[in-house]
Amino acid sequence: MGLGRCDNVGYDDTMRSYPFVRKAWMLGLVLAAVASVGLARSAAAAAPKKLRLAYAGWQVGTAVAYIGVDAGLFKQHGLEVEELPIRDTLSAGVQSLLGVDLLIGFGNPLAVLQPVANGADIALIGSHVSFDQYGMAVSSSIGSIKDLKGKKVGVSALGARSDLIARVMLRRAGLDPTQDVEMVAAGLAPARTLALTKDLVQGAPLSEMVATQAQKMGIKILDMKSVPVVTDLLITTRSYINREEETVRRFMKGYAAATQHFVTKRNESLTILKKYFPGNQGLSVDAMYDAFSAQLRPLPELNQEALQALVDVGAAVDQRTKSLKPSAITEPRFFDELKNSKFLKDLYTEKVRL
């Protein structure tokens, strides 16, 4: 049957007479469907992801996040961030994740570690550490830090900065701070030094400045070295990562971009930071910026020494965390993806050592 012969030629007749037309028609349907799916996926990928971000305290992580939000860097990486400040910084931990997706801050290590012992879902995707020069002040009979085994080490308080630093120093010497020494709350540096002279403790971590003064008093100082201590944690849950992996990935890119902005654009960053402080605190904000900028690395690296110290603090209170390893509470995949990425290299014009 020809097309010019009958006005009642139907669809089936045409398809039977022209198989190539049928194939072309079917191919067109397939291509249209694929294009439709592709457009839908592109639209979904382009749509901003919502992220509820909580801050606990005012440290370098919070400062970087403020830059990321105010400079539009999170938005550039497809995120719509809702900011939620937390007033009680000492309780910043798993409980602070209720109703939020990600927490930046660091209050008390126990707020993170104790819930983990009870099976809480937690994942550290990044951390900030400061590297400070510290030495171990010791009794005259102590020849090396290893000789502190079975002795008392004075710190300001459980989980405090000096406690975390002492635990790093003890582990470097091959000691287990959870069982080889007794950690004693002895107060601030002057009180720890006094306790040492009275043999109430046989070791005490002191900053370089305090240690220099202590040496003038005849106190022995061992192993003056750079010691990492956590100042901020980037905390979420594994369930959130499983649910919103791409959102976390976008956050880490935006955070890396905010870090680069912070260290390379001083004036613009200061303008943003000063919005959150009274005008009469301008000078202190400048000093804070300089301190934070010196501390920042291109990515919020998960420092294993500093994180092990956190775990050790938890074990001192709850023996269930004694066997816990930092790897059990960390998720390094996003850091690892960015570490040698073209994205990070393109952020910095100079070669940066990670």
C-alpha atoms as a PDB file:
ATOM      1  CA  MET A   1       0.000   0.000   0.000  1.00  0.00           C
ATOM      2  CA  GLY A   2       1.482   3.322  -1.068  1.00  0.00           C
ATOM      3  CA  LEU A   3       1.106   6.562   0.757  1.00  0.00           C
ATOM      4  CA  GLY A   4      -0.347   8.292  -2.302  1.00  0.00           C
ATOM      5  CA  ARG A   5      -2.938   5.625  -2.925  1.00  0.00           C
ATOM      6  CA  CYS A   6      -5.214   5.752   0.107  1.00  0.00           C
ATOM      7  CA  ASP A   7      -6.316   8.503   2.409  1.00  0.00           C
ATOM      8  CA  ASN A   8      -6.890   6.011   5.224  1.00  0.00           C
ATOM      9  CA  VAL A   9      -3.302   4.946   5.642  1.00  0.00           C
ATOM     10  CA  GLY A  10      -2.789   4.355   9.360  1.00  0.00           C
ATOM     11  CA  TYR A  11       0.129   4.456  11.717  1.00  0.00           C
ATOM     12  CA  ASP A  12       0.591   0.645  11.614  1.00  0.00           C
ATOM     13  CA  ASP A  13       0.594   0.596   7.829  1.00  0.00           C
ATOM     14  CA  THR A  14       3.228   3.295   7.682  1.00  0.00           C
ATOM     15  CA  MET A  15       5.443   1.555  10.204  1.00  0.00           C
ATOM     16  CA  ARG A  16       5.171  -1.776   8.373  1.00  0.00           C
ATOM     17  CA  SER A  17       5.945  -0.165   5.042  1.00  0.00           C
ATOM     18  CA  TYR A  18       8.821   1.880   6.336  1.00  0.00           C
ATOM     19  CA  PRO A  19      10.749  -0.036   9.040  1.00  0.00           C
ATOM     20  CA  PHE A  20      13.481   2.564   9.034  1.00  0.00           C
ATOM     21  CA  VAL A  21      10.887   5.189   9.945  1.00  0.00           C
ATOM     22  CA  ARG A  22       9.779   3.063  12.889  1.00  0.00           C
ATOM     23  CA  LYS A  23      13.378   2.686  14.085  1.00  0.00           C
ATOM     24  CA  ALA A  24      14.010   6.394  13.738  1.00  0.00           C
ATOM     25  CA  TRP A  25      10.836   7.174  15.628  1.00  0.00           C
ATOM     26  CA  MET A  26      11.774   4.804  18.474  1.00  0.00           C
ATOM     27  CA  LEU A  27      15.299   6.199  18.573  1.00  0.00           C
ATOM     28  CA  GLY A  28      13.848   9.677  18.844  1.00  0.00           C
ATOM     29  CA  LEU A  29      11.758   8.622  21.833  1.00  0.00           C
ATOM     30  CA  VAL A  30      14.802   7.116  23.550  1.00  0.00           C
ATOM     31  CA  LEU A  31      16.913  10.216  22.936  1.00  0.00           C
ATOM     32  CA  ALA A  32      14.145  12.447  24.208  1.00  0.00           C
ATOM     33  CA  ALA A  33      13.830  10.350  27.356  1.00  0.00           C
ATOM     34  CA  VAL A  34      17.594  10.411  27.941  1.00  0.00           C
ATOM     35  CA  ALA A  35      17.683  14.168  27.404  1.00  0.00           C
ATOM     36  CA  SER A  36      14.803  14.610  29.824  1.00  0.00           C
ATOM     37  CA  VAL A  37      16.566  12.562  32.502  1.00  0.00           C
ATOM     38  CA  GLY A  38      19.807  14.439  31.871  1.00  0.00           C
ATOM     39  CA  LEU A  39      18.103  17.790  32.237  1.00  0.00           C
ATOM     40  CA  ALA A  40      16.401  16.654  35.431  1.00  0.00           C
ATOM     41  CA  ARG A  41      19.704  15.482  36.869  1.00  0.00           C
ATOM     42  CA  SER A  42      21.433  18.706  35.859  1.00  0.00           C
ATOM     43  CA  ALA A  43      18.691  20.736  37.502  1.00  0.00           C
ATOM     44  CA  ALA A  44      18.960  18.646  40.663  1.00  0.00           C
ATOM     45  CA  ALA A  45      22.746  19.018  40.704  1.00  0.00           C
ATOM     46  CA  ALA A  46      22.467  22.780  40.197  1.00  0.00           C
ATOM     47  CA  ALA A  47      19.922  23.207  42.982  1.00  0.00           C
ATOM     48  CA  PRO A  48      21.550  24.383  46.236  1.00  0.00           C
ATOM     49  CA  LYS A  49      21.769  21.850  49.045  1.00  0.00           C
ATOM     50  CA  LYS A  50      20.534  23.007  52.436  1.00  0.00           C
ATOM     51  CA  LEU A  51      22.885  22.610  55.409  1.00  0.00           C
ATOM     52  CA  ARG A  52      22.178  23.434  59.054  1.00  0.00           C
ATOM     53  CA  LEU A  53      25.511  24.516  60.510  1.00  0.00           C
ATOM     54  CA  ALA A  54      26.029  25.033  64.245  1.00  0.00           C
ATOM     55  CA  TYR A  55      28.877  26.977  65.874  1.00  0.00           C
ATOM     56  CA  ALA A  56      30.172  26.336  69.375  1.00  0.00           C
ATOM     57  CA  GLY A  57      32.596  28.932  70.699  1.00  0.00           C
ATOM     58  CA  TRP A  58      34.760  31.383  68.820  1.00  0.00           C
ATOM     59  CA  GLN A  59      37.836  29.761  67.376  1.00  0.00           C
ATOM     60  CA  VAL A  60      39.452  29.500  63.970  1.00  0.00           C
ATOM     61  CA  GLY A  61      36.801  27.127  62.592  1.00  0.00           C
ATOM     62  CA  THR A  62      33.984  29.543  63.361  1.00  0.00           C
ATOM     63  CA  ALA A  63      35.955  32.410  61.821  1.00  0.00           C
ATOM     64  CA  VAL A  64      36.510  30.444  58.604  1.00  0.00           C
ATOM     65  CA  ALA A  65      32.824  29.500  58.430  1.00  0.00           C
ATOM     66  CA  TYR A  66      31.779  33.145  58.869  1.00  0.00           C
ATOM     67  CA  ILE A  67      34.005  34.027  55.917  1.00  0.00           C
ATOM     68  CA  GLY A  68      32.489  31.192  53.902  1.00  0.00           C
ATOM     69  CA  VAL A  69      28.943  32.406  54.541  1.00  0.00           C
ATOM     70  CA  ASP A  70      29.445  36.172  54.290  1.00  0.00           C
ATOM     71  CA  ALA A  71      31.745  36.043  51.250  1.00  0.00           C
ATOM     72  CA  GLY A  72      29.291  33.737  49.473  1.00  0.00           C
ATOM     73  CA  LEU A  73      31.799  30.901  49.127  1.00  0.00           C
ATOM     74  CA  PHE A  74      29.487  28.168  50.392  1.00  0.00           C
ATOM     75  CA  LYS A  75      26.828  29.477  48.022  1.00  0.00           C
ATOM     76  CA  GLN A  76      29.289  29.301  45.129  1.00  0.00           C
ATOM     77  CA  HIS A  77      29.691  25.611  45.890  1.00  0.00           C
ATOM     78  CA  GLY A  78      25.990  24.886  45.872  1.00  0.00           C
ATOM     79  CA  LEU A  79      25.121  25.221  49.551  1.00  0.00           C
ATOM     80  CA  GLU A  80      22.409  27.140  51.333  1.00  0.00           C
ATOM     81  CA  VAL A  81      23.693  27.412  54.911  1.00  0.00           C
ATOM     82  CA  GLU A  82      21.491  28.025  57.931  1.00  0.00           C
ATOM     83  CA  GLU A  83      23.634  29.196  60.867  1.00  0.00           C
ATOM     84  CA  LEU A  84      22.817  28.091  64.417  1.00  0.00           C
ATOM     85  CA  PRO A  85      25.061  29.428  67.232  1.00  0.00           C
ATOM     86  CA  ILE A  86      25.358  27.323  70.411  1.00  0.00           C
ATOM     87  CA  ARG A  87      25.748  29.233  73.659  1.00  0.00           C
ATOM     88  CA  ASP A  88      26.958  26.411  75.915  1.00  0.00           C
ATOM     89  CA  THR A  89      30.323  25.733  74.294  1.00  0.00           C
ATOM     90  CA  LEU A  90      31.492  23.314  77.002  1.00  0.00           C
ATOM     91  CA  SER A  91      28.741  20.881  76.066  1.00  0.00           C
ATOM     92  CA  ALA A  92      29.536  21.080  72.362  1.00  0.00           C
ATOM     93  CA  GLY A  93      29.436  17.485  71.206  1.00  0.00           C
ATOM     94  CA  VAL A  94      26.979  14.848  70.115  1.00  0.00           C
ATOM     95  CA  GLN A  95      24.037  16.534  71.851  1.00  0.00           C
ATOM     96  CA  SER A  96      24.727  19.684  69.854  1.00  0.00           C
ATOM     97  CA  LEU A  97      24.078  17.732  66.648  1.00  0.00           C
ATOM     98  CA  LEU A  98      20.409  17.357  67.510  1.00  0.00           C
ATOM     99  CA  GLY A  99      18.517  19.352  64.895  1.00  0.00           C
ATOM    100  CA  VAL A 100      21.644  20.307  62.924  1.00  0.00           C
ATOM    101  CA  ASP A 101      23.699  18.667  60.192  1.00  0.00           C
ATOM    102  CA  LEU A 102      27.211  19.757  61.078  1.00  0.00           C
ATOM    103  CA  LEU A 103      28.916  21.326  64.089  1.00  0.00           C
ATOM    104  CA  ILE A 104      32.072  23.419  64.191  1.00  0.00           C
ATOM    105  CA  GLY A 105      33.601  23.901  67.610  1.00  0.00           C
ATOM    106  CA  PHE A 106      35.342  22.325  70.523  1.00  0.00           C
ATOM    107  CA  GLY A 107      34.360  22.594  74.150  1.00  0.00           C
ATOM    108  CA  ASN A 108      35.078  19.628  76.384  1.00  0.00           C
ATOM    109  CA  PRO A 109      36.504  16.376  74.918  1.00  0.00           C
ATOM    110  CA  LEU A 110      34.161  14.439  77.189  1.00  0.00           C
ATOM    111  CA  ALA A 111      31.158  15.912  75.360  1.00  0.00           C
ATOM    112  CA  VAL A 112      32.405  14.062  72.288  1.00  0.00           C
ATOM    113  CA  LEU A 113      33.881  10.877  73.753  1.00  0.00           C
ATOM    114  CA  GLN A 114      31.415   9.887  76.466  1.00  0.00           C
ATOM    115  CA  PRO A 115      28.408   9.652  74.097  1.00  0.00           C
ATOM    116  CA  VAL A 116      30.549   7.525  71.760  1.00  0.00           C
ATOM    117  CA  ALA A 117      30.949   4.985  74.567  1.00  0.00           C
ATOM    118  CA  ASN A 118      27.158   4.733  74.629  1.00  0.00           C
ATOM    119  CA  GLY A 119      26.992   4.042  70.908  1.00  0.00           C
ATOM    120  CA  ALA A 120      26.365   7.569  69.656  1.00  0.00           C
ATOM    121  CA  ASP A 121      26.692   8.158  65.916  1.00  0.00           C
ATOM    122  CA  ILE A 122      29.530  10.604  65.303  1.00  0.00           C
ATOM    123  CA  ALA A 123      32.087  11.347  62.598  1.00  0.00           C
ATOM    124  CA  LEU A 124      34.873  13.916  62.659  1.00  0.00           C
ATOM    125  CA  ILE A 125      35.504  15.127  59.103  1.00  0.00           C
ATOM    126  CA  GLY A 126      38.143  17.699  59.988  1.00  0.00           C
ATOM    127  CA  SER A 127      39.986  19.433  62.799  1.00  0.00           C
ATOM    128  CA  HIS A 128      42.120  22.467  63.468  1.00  0.00           C
ATOM    129  CA  VAL A 129      45.166  22.262  65.687  1.00  0.00           C
ATOM    130  CA  SER A 130      47.623  24.787  67.007  1.00  0.00           C
ATOM    131  CA  PHE A 131      51.274  23.856  67.318  1.00  0.00           C
ATOM    132  CA  ASP A 132      52.776  25.319  70.477  1.00  0.00           C
ATOM    133  CA  GLN A 133      56.225  24.983  71.991  1.00  0.00           C
ATOM    134  CA  TYR A 134      55.948  23.029  75.236  1.00  0.00           C
ATOM    135  CA  GLY A 135      58.405  21.301  77.520  1.00  0.00           C
ATOM    136  CA  MET A 136      57.936  18.912  80.419  1.00  0.00           C
ATOM    137  CA  ALA A 137      59.071  20.323  83.762  1.00  0.00           C
ATOM    138  CA  VAL A 138      60.258  17.431  85.929  1.00  0.00           C
ATOM    139  CA  SER A 139      61.762  16.644  89.305  1.00  0.00           C
ATOM    140  CA  SER A 140      65.551  16.577  89.461  1.00  0.00           C
ATOM    141  CA  SER A 141      65.555  12.768  89.698  1.00  0.00           C
ATOM    142  CA  ILE A 142      63.780  12.388  86.338  1.00  0.00           C
ATOM    143  CA  GLY A 143      66.199  11.930  83.447  1.00  0.00           C
ATOM    144  CA  SER A 144      63.698  11.523  80.614  1.00  0.00           C
ATOM    145  CA  ILE A 145      59.954  11.719  80.152  1.00  0.00           C
ATOM    146  CA  LYS A 146      59.862   7.923  80.064  1.00  0.00           C
ATOM    147  CA  ASP A 147      61.031   7.978  83.699  1.00  0.00           C
ATOM    148  CA  LEU A 148      57.650   9.466  84.650  1.00  0.00           C
ATOM    149  CA  LYS A 149      56.131   5.986  84.513  1.00  0.00           C
ATOM    150  CA  GLY A 150      54.345   5.392  87.806  1.00  0.00           C
ATOM    151  CA  LYS A 151      54.632   9.096  88.719  1.00  0.00           C
ATOM    152  CA  LYS A 152      52.197  12.017  88.912  1.00  0.00           C
ATOM    153  CA  VAL A 153      51.889  14.598  86.137  1.00  0.00           C
ATOM    154  CA  GLY A 154      50.229  17.909  86.985  1.00  0.00           C
ATOM    155  CA  VAL A 155      47.823  19.551  84.529  1.00  0.00           C
ATOM    156  CA  SER A 156      45.348  22.391  84.926  1.00  0.00           C
ATOM    157  CA  ALA A 157      42.229  20.186  84.638  1.00  0.00           C
ATOM    158  CA  LEU A 158      41.009  17.009  82.978  1.00  0.00           C
ATOM    159  CA  GLY A 159      40.533  17.675  79.260  1.00  0.00           C
ATOM    160  CA  ALA A 160      42.124  21.127  79.461  1.00  0.00           C
ATOM    161  CA  ARG A 161      44.788  22.322  77.047  1.00  0.00           C
ATOM    162  CA  SER A 162      47.702  21.368  79.304  1.00  0.00           C
ATOM    163  CA  ASP A 163      46.160  17.917  79.813  1.00  0.00           C
ATOM    164  CA  LEU A 164      45.911  17.282  76.073  1.00  0.00           C
ATOM    165  CA  ILE A 165      49.476  18.497  75.549  1.00  0.00           C
ATOM    166  CA  ALA A 166      50.805  16.302  78.361  1.00  0.00           C
ATOM    167  CA  ARG A 167      49.171  13.239  76.816  1.00  0.00           C
ATOM    168  CA  VAL A 168      50.801  13.888  73.438  1.00  0.00           C
ATOM    169  CA  MET A 169      54.208  14.303  75.102  1.00  0.00           C
ATOM    170  CA  LEU A 170      53.792  11.120  77.161  1.00  0.00           C
ATOM    171  CA  ARG A 171      52.804   9.051  74.128  1.00  0.00           C
ATOM    172  CA  ARG A 172      55.784  10.394  72.197  1.00  0.00           C
ATOM    173  CA  ALA A 173      57.951   9.022  74.994  1.00  0.00           C
ATOM    174  CA  GLY A 174      56.328   5.601  74.690  1.00  0.00           C
ATOM    175  CA  LEU A 175      54.064   5.897  77.726  1.00  0.00           C
ATOM    176  CA  ASP A 176      50.332   5.256  77.876  1.00  0.00           C
ATOM    177  CA  PRO A 177      48.842   8.265  79.693  1.00  0.00           C
ATOM    178  CA  THR A 178      45.747   6.253  80.603  1.00  0.00           C
ATOM    179  CA  GLN A 179      47.667   3.736  82.712  1.00  0.00           C
ATOM    180  CA  ASP A 180      51.392   4.525  83.026  1.00  0.00           C
ATOM    181  CA  VAL A 181      51.039   7.831  84.917  1.00  0.00           C
ATOM    182  CA  GLU A 182      48.565   9.527  87.226  1.00  0.00           C
ATOM    183  CA  MET A 183      47.216  12.781  85.833  1.00  0.00           C
ATOM    184  CA  VAL A 184      46.598  15.292  88.632  1.00  0.00           C
ATOM    185  CA  ALA A 185      44.592  18.529  88.435  1.00  0.00           C
ATOM    186  CA  ALA A 186      47.124  21.004  89.828  1.00  0.00           C
ATOM    187  CA  GLY A 187      45.919  24.345  88.456  1.00  0.00           C
ATOM    188  CA  LEU A 188      47.458  26.862  86.096  1.00  0.00           C
ATOM    189  CA  ALA A 189      51.154  26.978  85.187  1.00  0.00           C
ATOM    190  CA  PRO A 190      52.375  28.809  88.348  1.00  0.00           C
ATOM    191  CA  ALA A 191      50.461  26.366  90.562  1.00  0.00           C
ATOM    192  CA  ARG A 192      51.843  23.381  88.622  1.00  0.00           C
ATOM    193  CA  THR A 193      55.362  24.724  89.005  1.00  0.00           C
ATOM    194  CA  LEU A 194      54.860  25.151  92.752  1.00  0.00           C
ATOM    195  CA  ALA A 195      53.451  21.621  93.049  1.00  0.00           C
ATOM    196  CA  LEU A 196      56.550  20.353  91.274  1.00  0.00           C
ATOM    197  CA  THR A 197      58.921  22.084  93.708  1.00  0.00           C
ATOM    198  CA  LYS A 198      57.034  20.476  96.613  1.00  0.00           C
ATOM    199  CA  ASP A 199      57.180  17.040  94.934  1.00  0.00           C
ATOM    200  CA  LEU A 200      53.381  16.849  94.849  1.00  0.00           C
ATOM    201  CA  VAL A 201      53.809  16.033  91.164  1.00  0.00           C
ATOM    202  CA  GLN A 202      56.911  14.867  89.326  1.00  0.00           C
ATOM    203  CA  GLY A 203      56.068  16.287  85.925  1.00  0.00           C
ATOM    204  CA  ALA A 204      54.139  19.230  84.477  1.00  0.00           C
ATOM    205  CA  PRO A 205      53.833  20.573  80.904  1.00  0.00           C
ATOM    206  CA  LEU A 206      54.849  24.230  80.584  1.00  0.00           C
ATOM    207  CA  SER A 207      54.737  26.607  77.637  1.00  0.00           C
ATOM    208  CA  GLU A 208      58.045  27.896  76.302  1.00  0.00           C
ATOM    209  CA  MET A 209      57.693  31.271  78.030  1.00  0.00           C
ATOM    210  CA  VAL A 210      56.827  29.779  81.426  1.00  0.00           C
ATOM    211  CA  ALA A 211      59.461  27.062  81.041  1.00  0.00           C
ATOM    212  CA  THR A 212      62.145  29.692  80.464  1.00  0.00           C
ATOM    213  CA  GLN A 213      61.246  31.344  83.766  1.00  0.00           C
ATOM    214  CA  ALA A 214      61.090  27.976  85.523  1.00  0.00           C
ATOM    215  CA  GLN A 215      64.593  27.128  84.339  1.00  0.00           C
ATOM    216  CA  LYS A 216      65.866  30.322  85.959  1.00  0.00           C
ATOM    217  CA  MET A 217      64.450  28.938  89.211  1.00  0.00           C
ATOM    218  CA  GLY A 218      66.477  25.762  88.748  1.00  0.00           C
ATOM    219  CA  ILE A 219      63.654  23.542  87.474  1.00  0.00           C
ATOM    220  CA  LYS A 220      64.607  20.906  84.923  1.00  0.00           C
ATOM    221  CA  ILE A 221      62.836  21.135  81.551  1.00  0.00           C
ATOM    222  CA  LEU A 222      62.790  18.215  79.101  1.00  0.00           C
ATOM    223  CA  ASP A 223      61.913  17.947  75.408  1.00  0.00           C
ATOM    224  CA  MET A 224      60.928  21.479  74.442  1.00  0.00           C
ATOM    225  CA  LYS A 225      59.131  20.722  71.176  1.00  0.00           C
ATOM    226  CA  SER A 226      56.163  21.693  69.046  1.00  0.00           C
ATOM    227  CA  VAL A 227      53.034  19.915  70.263  1.00  0.00           C
ATOM    228  CA  PRO A 228      49.679  19.782  68.418  1.00  0.00           C
ATOM    229  CA  VAL A 229      46.491  20.459  70.345  1.00  0.00           C
ATOM    230  CA  VAL A 230      42.939  20.533  68.989  1.00  0.00           C
ATOM    231  CA  THR A 231      41.281  23.949  68.825  1.00  0.00           C
ATOM    232  CA  ASP A 232      38.280  23.075  66.635  1.00  0.00           C
ATOM    233  CA  LEU A 233      36.477  19.997  65.359  1.00  0.00           C
ATOM    234  CA  LEU A 234      34.222  19.611  62.327  1.00  0.00           C
ATOM    235  CA  ILE A 235      31.615  17.137  63.547  1.00  0.00           C
ATOM    236  CA  THR A 236      28.740  15.353  61.847  1.00  0.00           C
ATOM    237  CA  THR A 237      27.247  11.854  61.894  1.00  0.00           C
ATOM    238  CA  ARG A 238      27.886   8.847  59.682  1.00  0.00           C
ATOM    239  CA  SER A 239      24.172   8.565  59.016  1.00  0.00           C
ATOM    240  CA  TYR A 240      24.154  12.135  57.652  1.00  0.00           C
ATOM    241  CA  ILE A 241      27.183  11.380  55.471  1.00  0.00           C
ATOM    242  CA  ASN A 242      25.462   8.289  54.079  1.00  0.00           C
ATOM    243  CA  ARG A 243      22.355  10.343  53.394  1.00  0.00           C
ATOM    244  CA  GLU A 244      23.986  13.542  52.112  1.00  0.00           C
ATOM    245  CA  GLU A 245      27.470  12.644  50.907  1.00  0.00           C
ATOM    246  CA  GLU A 246      27.412  15.241  48.134  1.00  0.00           C
ATOM    247  CA  THR A 247      26.320  17.957  50.574  1.00  0.00           C
ATOM    248  CA  VAL A 248      29.289  17.183  52.839  1.00  0.00           C
ATOM    249  CA  ARG A 249      31.576  17.208  49.807  1.00  0.00           C
ATOM    250  CA  ARG A 250      30.284  20.642  48.786  1.00  0.00           C
ATOM    251  CA  PHE A 251      30.761  21.896  52.339  1.00  0.00           C
ATOM    252  CA  MET A 252      34.391  20.793  52.417  1.00  0.00           C
ATOM    253  CA  LYS A 253      35.068  22.547  49.107  1.00  0.00           C
ATOM    254  CA  GLY A 254      33.405  25.718  50.347  1.00  0.00           C
ATOM    255  CA  TYR A 255      35.345  25.489  53.605  1.00  0.00           C
ATOM    256  CA  ALA A 256      38.635  25.087  51.726  1.00  0.00           C
ATOM    257  CA  ALA A 257      37.760  28.124  49.592  1.00  0.00           C
ATOM    258  CA  ALA A 258      36.915  30.107  52.749  1.00  0.00           C
ATOM    259  CA  THR A 259      40.265  29.145  54.275  1.00  0.00           C
ATOM    260  CA  GLN A 260      42.098  30.376  51.183  1.00  0.00           C
ATOM    261  CA  HIS A 261      40.083  33.614  51.266  1.00  0.00           C
ATOM    262  CA  PHE A 262      40.910  34.063  54.961  1.00  0.00           C
ATOM    263  CA  VAL A 263      44.683  33.771  54.578  1.00  0.00           C
ATOM    264  CA  THR A 264      45.035  35.654  51.281  1.00  0.00           C
ATOM    265  CA  LYS A 265      42.505  38.496  51.657  1.00  0.00           C
ATOM    266  CA  ARG A 266      43.233  40.054  55.017  1.00  0.00           C
ATOM    267  CA  ASN A 267      41.300  43.303  54.679  1.00  0.00           C
ATOM    268  CA  GLU A 268      38.173  41.674  53.272  1.00  0.00           C
ATOM    269  CA  SER A 269      38.262  38.985  55.957  1.00  0.00           C
ATOM    270  CA  LEU A 270      38.722  41.531  58.745  1.00  0.00           C
ATOM    271  CA  THR A 271      35.755  43.519  57.457  1.00  0.00           C
ATOM    272  CA  ILE A 272      33.590  40.419  57.792  1.00  0.00           C
ATOM    273  CA  LEU A 273      34.916  39.417  61.224  1.00  0.00           C
ATOM    274  CA  LYS A 274      34.488  42.913  62.678  1.00  0.00           C
ATOM    275  CA  LYS A 275      30.779  42.775  61.884  1.00  0.00           C
ATOM    276  CA  TYR A 276      30.432  40.319  64.752  1.00  0.00           C
ATOM    277  CA  PHE A 277      32.290  42.398  67.344  1.00  0.00           C
ATOM    278  CA  PRO A 278      31.719  45.851  68.898  1.00  0.00           C
ATOM    279  CA  GLY A 279      33.694  48.658  67.303  1.00  0.00           C
ATOM    280  CA  ASN A 280      35.941  49.093  70.338  1.00  0.00           C
ATOM    281  CA  GLN A 281      37.291  45.566  69.881  1.00  0.00           C
ATOM    282  CA  GLY A 282      38.831  46.290  66.498  1.00  0.00           C
ATOM    283  CA  LEU A 283      42.414  45.901  67.645  1.00  0.00           C
ATOM    284  CA  SER A 284      41.721  42.565  69.330  1.00  0.00           C
ATOM    285  CA  VAL A 285      40.054  41.294  66.152  1.00  0.00           C
ATOM    286  CA  ASP A 286      43.191  42.204  64.183  1.00  0.00           C
ATOM    287  CA  ALA A 287      45.336  40.260  66.643  1.00  0.00           C
ATOM    288  CA  MET A 288      42.921  37.337  66.558  1.00  0.00           C
ATOM    289  CA  TYR A 289      42.979  37.315  62.757  1.00  0.00           C
ATOM    290  CA  ASP A 290      46.788  37.202  62.722  1.00  0.00           C
ATOM    291  CA  ALA A 291      46.846  34.319  65.218  1.00  0.00           C
ATOM    292  CA  PHE A 292      44.241  32.334  63.289  1.00  0.00           C
ATOM    293  CA  SER A 293      45.875  33.009  59.931  1.00  0.00           C
ATOM    294  CA  ALA A 294      49.218  31.704  61.198  1.00  0.00           C
ATOM    295  CA  GLN A 295      47.488  28.564  62.466  1.00  0.00           C
ATOM    296  CA  LEU A 296      45.528  27.733  59.310  1.00  0.00           C
ATOM    297  CA  ARG A 297      46.489  25.076  56.807  1.00  0.00           C
ATOM    298  CA  PRO A 298      44.810  24.662  53.398  1.00  0.00           C
ATOM    299  CA  LEU A 299      42.561  21.897  54.765  1.00  0.00           C
ATOM    300  CA  PRO A 300      41.290  21.027  58.271  1.00  0.00           C
ATOM    301  CA  GLU A 301      43.641  18.083  58.689  1.00  0.00           C
ATOM    302  CA  LEU A 302      42.752  15.248  61.074  1.00  0.00           C
ATOM    303  CA  ASN A 303      45.884  15.300  63.248  1.00  0.00           C
ATOM    304  CA  GLN A 304      46.263  11.821  64.724  1.00  0.00           C
ATOM    305  CA  GLU A 305      48.419  12.824  67.709  1.00  0.00           C
ATOM    306  CA  ALA A 306      45.990  15.504  68.809  1.00  0.00           C
ATOM    307  CA  LEU A 307      42.952  13.257  68.292  1.00  0.00           C
ATOM    308  CA  GLN A 308      44.565  10.414  70.239  1.00  0.00           C
ATOM    309  CA  ALA A 309      44.921  12.816  73.166  1.00  0.00           C
ATOM    310  CA  LEU A 310      41.154  13.394  73.034  1.00  0.00           C
ATOM    311  CA  VAL A 311      40.546   9.647  73.105  1.00  0.00           C
ATOM    312  CA  ASP A 312      42.905   9.308  76.076  1.00  0.00           C
ATOM    313  CA  VAL A 313      40.913  11.895  78.016  1.00  0.00           C
ATOM    314  CA  GLY A 314      37.746   9.936  77.370  1.00  0.00           C
ATOM    315  CA  ALA A 315      39.396   6.729  78.594  1.00  0.00           C
ATOM    316  CA  ALA A 316      40.364   8.448  81.842  1.00  0.00           C
ATOM    317  CA  VAL A 317      36.668   8.861  82.638  1.00  0.00           C
ATOM    318  CA  ASP A 318      35.095   5.879  80.900  1.00  0.00           C
ATOM    319  CA  GLN A 319      37.151   2.711  80.442  1.00  0.00           C
ATOM    320  CA  ARG A 320      34.871   1.659  77.592  1.00  0.00           C
ATOM    321  CA  THR A 321      36.686   4.133  75.356  1.00  0.00           C
ATOM    322  CA  LYS A 322      40.133   2.826  76.315  1.00  0.00           C
ATOM    323  CA  SER A 323      40.398   0.634  73.213  1.00  0.00           C
ATOM    324  CA  LEU A 324      38.910   3.309  70.954  1.00  0.00           C
ATOM    325  CA  LYS A 325      41.101   4.452  68.078  1.00  0.00           C
ATOM    326  CA  PRO A 326      40.827   7.844  66.358  1.00  0.00           C
ATOM    327  CA  SER A 327      39.949   6.015  63.137  1.00  0.00           C
ATOM    328  CA  ALA A 328      36.703   4.830  64.767  1.00  0.00           C
ATOM    329  CA  ILE A 329      35.398   8.390  65.066  1.00  0.00           C
ATOM    330  CA  THR A 330      36.928  10.017  61.974  1.00  0.00           C
ATOM    331  CA  GLU A 331      35.883  10.065  58.322  1.00  0.00           C
ATOM    332  CA  PRO A 332      38.897  11.203  56.253  1.00  0.00           C
ATOM    333  CA  ARG A 333      37.512  10.554  52.764  1.00  0.00           C
ATOM    334  CA  PHE A 334      36.605  14.189  52.045  1.00  0.00           C
ATOM    335  CA  PHE A 335      40.001  15.443  53.216  1.00  0.00           C
ATOM    336  CA  ASP A 336      41.721  12.736  51.156  1.00  0.00           C
ATOM    337  CA  GLU A 337      39.727  13.677  48.049  1.00  0.00           C
ATOM    338  CA  LEU A 338      40.748  17.315  48.304  1.00  0.00           C
ATOM    339  CA  LYS A 339      44.342  16.905  49.450  1.00  0.00           C
ATOM    340  CA  ASN A 340      45.891  16.359  46.016  1.00  0.00           C
ATOM    341  CA  SER A 341      42.987  17.618  43.929  1.00  0.00           C
ATOM    342  CA  LYS A 342      43.170  20.073  41.058  1.00  0.00           C
ATOM    343  CA  PHE A 343      40.500  22.055  42.895  1.00  0.00           C
ATOM    344  CA  LEU A 344      42.847  22.758  45.809  1.00  0.00           C
ATOM    345  CA  LYS A 345      45.846  23.432  43.591  1.00  0.00           C
ATOM    346  CA  ASP A 346      43.826  25.961  41.620  1.00  0.00           C
ATOM    347  CA  LEU A 347      42.914  27.791  44.844  1.00  0.00           C
ATOM    348  CA  TYR A 348      46.534  28.604  45.582  1.00  0.00           C
ATOM    349  CA  THR A 349      48.976  30.184  43.177  1.00  0.00           C
ATOM    350  CA  GLU A 350      51.930  29.110  45.314  1.00  0.00           C
ATOM    351  CA  LYS A 351      52.782  25.510  46.100  1.00  0.00           C
ATOM    352  CA  VAL A 352      51.395  24.633  49.521  1.00  0.00           C
ATOM    353  CA  ARG A 353      52.706  21.760  51.606  1.00  0.00           C
ATOM    354  CA  LEU A 354      49.848  19.750  53.154  1.00  0.00           C
END
